[in-house]
Amino acid sequence: MVTAISIVLIISALFMIVTVLLQSSSEGGISAVSGQSNSYFSKSKSKTFEAKLALGTKIAATVFVVLSLLMLVIK
């Protein structure tokens, strides 16, 4: 049981690293604070590759945290 959880934990960590490294930086700077960084492309973000990477990162991070806590409880 511990071995299987450890393997899934390592896979989720590697997947999270890859998805974070593939994401581009959103260098909005000060304009992001004032709300001036809105554009046509930012309105349809849910269908882009960036949105899928962000979703994959969130899922991998959630799995990683849950499995880490589970490993803490088991040991």
C-alpha atoms as a PDB file:
ATOM      1  CA  MET A   1       0.000   0.000   0.000  1.00  0.00           C
ATOM      2  CA  VAL A   2       2.761   2.417   0.945  1.00  0.00           C
ATOM      3  CA  THR A   3       4.725   1.529  -2.180  1.00  0.00           C
ATOM      4  CA  ALA A   4       1.756   2.184  -4.466  1.00  0.00           C
ATOM      5  CA  ILE A   5       1.046   5.524  -2.808  1.00  0.00           C
ATOM      6  CA  SER A   6       4.726   6.459  -3.061  1.00  0.00           C
ATOM      7  CA  ILE A   7       4.785   5.689  -6.771  1.00  0.00           C
ATOM      8  CA  VAL A   8       1.657   7.752  -7.439  1.00  0.00           C
ATOM      9  CA  LEU A   9       3.112  10.552  -5.289  1.00  0.00           C
ATOM     10  CA  ILE A  10       6.311  10.626  -7.347  1.00  0.00           C
ATOM     11  CA  ILE A  11       4.365  10.568 -10.623  1.00  0.00           C
ATOM     12  CA  SER A  12       2.144  13.438  -9.499  1.00  0.00           C
ATOM     13  CA  ALA A  13       5.200  15.435  -8.399  1.00  0.00           C
ATOM     14  CA  LEU A  14       6.902  14.915 -11.763  1.00  0.00           C
ATOM     15  CA  PHE A  15       3.709  15.821 -13.634  1.00  0.00           C
ATOM     16  CA  MET A  16       3.361  18.972 -11.557  1.00  0.00           C
ATOM     17  CA  ILE A  17       6.967  19.965 -12.290  1.00  0.00           C
ATOM     18  CA  VAL A  18       6.491  19.444 -16.025  1.00  0.00           C
ATOM     19  CA  THR A  19       3.227  21.393 -16.184  1.00  0.00           C
ATOM     20  CA  VAL A  20       4.685  24.308 -14.226  1.00  0.00           C
ATOM     21  CA  LEU A  21       7.752  24.439 -16.457  1.00  0.00           C
ATOM     22  CA  LEU A  22       5.620  24.395 -19.620  1.00  0.00           C
ATOM     23  CA  GLN A  23       3.524  27.362 -18.516  1.00  0.00           C
ATOM     24  CA  SER A  24       4.530  30.760 -19.790  1.00  0.00           C
ATOM     25  CA  SER A  25       4.924  33.624 -17.389  1.00  0.00           C
ATOM     26  CA  SER A  26       2.187  36.208 -17.293  1.00  0.00           C
ATOM     27  CA  GLU A  27       4.298  39.325 -17.147  1.00  0.00           C
ATOM     28  CA  GLY A  28       1.425  41.703 -16.547  1.00  0.00           C
ATOM     29  CA  GLY A  29       3.355  43.915 -14.180  1.00  0.00           C
ATOM     30  CA  ILE A  30       1.594  46.982 -12.834  1.00  0.00           C
ATOM     31  CA  SER A  31      -1.058  46.889 -15.544  1.00  0.00           C
ATOM     32  CA  ALA A  32      -2.395  43.632 -14.088  1.00  0.00           C
ATOM     33  CA  VAL A  33      -3.020  45.375 -10.767  1.00  0.00           C
ATOM     34  CA  SER A  34      -4.989  48.211 -12.322  1.00  0.00           C
ATOM     35  CA  GLY A  35      -7.005  45.899 -14.559  1.00  0.00           C
ATOM     36  CA  GLN A  36      -5.621  47.173 -17.836  1.00  0.00           C
ATOM     37  CA  SER A  37      -4.357  43.791 -18.971  1.00  0.00           C
ATOM     38  CA  ASN A  38      -7.739  42.588 -20.274  1.00  0.00           C
ATOM     39  CA  SER A  39      -7.790  41.669 -23.912  1.00  0.00           C
ATOM     40  CA  TYR A  40      -9.891  39.674 -26.308  1.00  0.00           C
ATOM     41  CA  PHE A  41      -7.732  36.602 -25.826  1.00  0.00           C
ATOM     42  CA  SER A  42      -8.025  36.643 -22.037  1.00  0.00           C
ATOM     43  CA  LYS A  43     -11.805  36.289 -22.253  1.00  0.00           C
ATOM     44  CA  SER A  44     -11.640  32.828 -23.820  1.00  0.00           C
ATOM     45  CA  LYS A  45      -8.899  31.404 -21.624  1.00  0.00           C
ATOM     46  CA  SER A  46     -10.734  28.207 -20.692  1.00  0.00           C
ATOM     47  CA  LYS A  47     -10.065  26.587 -24.066  1.00  0.00           C
ATOM     48  CA  THR A  48      -6.400  27.397 -24.500  1.00  0.00           C
ATOM     49  CA  PHE A  49      -3.412  25.183 -23.912  1.00  0.00           C
ATOM     50  CA  GLU A  50      -2.392  27.451 -21.026  1.00  0.00           C
ATOM     51  CA  ALA A  51      -5.712  26.837 -19.292  1.00  0.00           C
ATOM     52  CA  LYS A  52      -5.295  23.091 -19.672  1.00  0.00           C
ATOM     53  CA  LEU A  53      -1.794  23.324 -18.210  1.00  0.00           C
ATOM     54  CA  ALA A  54      -3.106  25.362 -15.292  1.00  0.00           C
ATOM     55  CA  LEU A  55      -5.856  22.819 -14.658  1.00  0.00           C
ATOM     56  CA  GLY A  56      -3.349  19.966 -14.838  1.00  0.00           C
ATOM     57  CA  THR A  57      -1.126  21.770 -12.349  1.00  0.00           C
ATOM     58  CA  LYS A  58      -4.019  22.275  -9.939  1.00  0.00           C
ATOM     59  CA  ILE A  59      -5.054  18.630 -10.158  1.00  0.00           C
ATOM     60  CA  ALA A  60      -1.482  17.377  -9.726  1.00  0.00           C
ATOM     61  CA  ALA A  61      -0.940  19.686  -6.758  1.00  0.00           C
ATOM     62  CA  THR A  62      -4.154  18.493  -5.108  1.00  0.00           C
ATOM     63  CA  VAL A  63      -3.226  14.845  -5.620  1.00  0.00           C
ATOM     64  CA  PHE A  64       0.270  15.545  -4.310  1.00  0.00           C
ATOM     65  CA  VAL A  65      -0.972  17.242  -1.140  1.00  0.00           C
ATOM     66  CA  VAL A  66      -3.617  14.601  -0.421  1.00  0.00           C
ATOM     67  CA  LEU A  67      -1.172  11.742  -0.930  1.00  0.00           C
ATOM     68  CA  SER A  68       1.481  13.489   1.168  1.00  0.00           C
ATOM     69  CA  LEU A  69      -0.973  13.836   4.033  1.00  0.00           C
ATOM     70  CA  LEU A  70      -2.045  10.227   3.583  1.00  0.00           C
ATOM     71  CA  MET A  71       1.562   9.097   3.762  1.00  0.00           C
ATOM     72  CA  LEU A  72       1.972  11.107   6.963  1.00  0.00           C
ATOM     73  CA  VAL A  73      -1.055   9.396   8.522  1.00  0.00           C
ATOM     74  CA  ILE A  74       0.015   5.905   7.411  1.00  0.00           C
ATOM     75  CA  LYS A  75       3.554   6.172   8.729  1.00  0.00           C
END
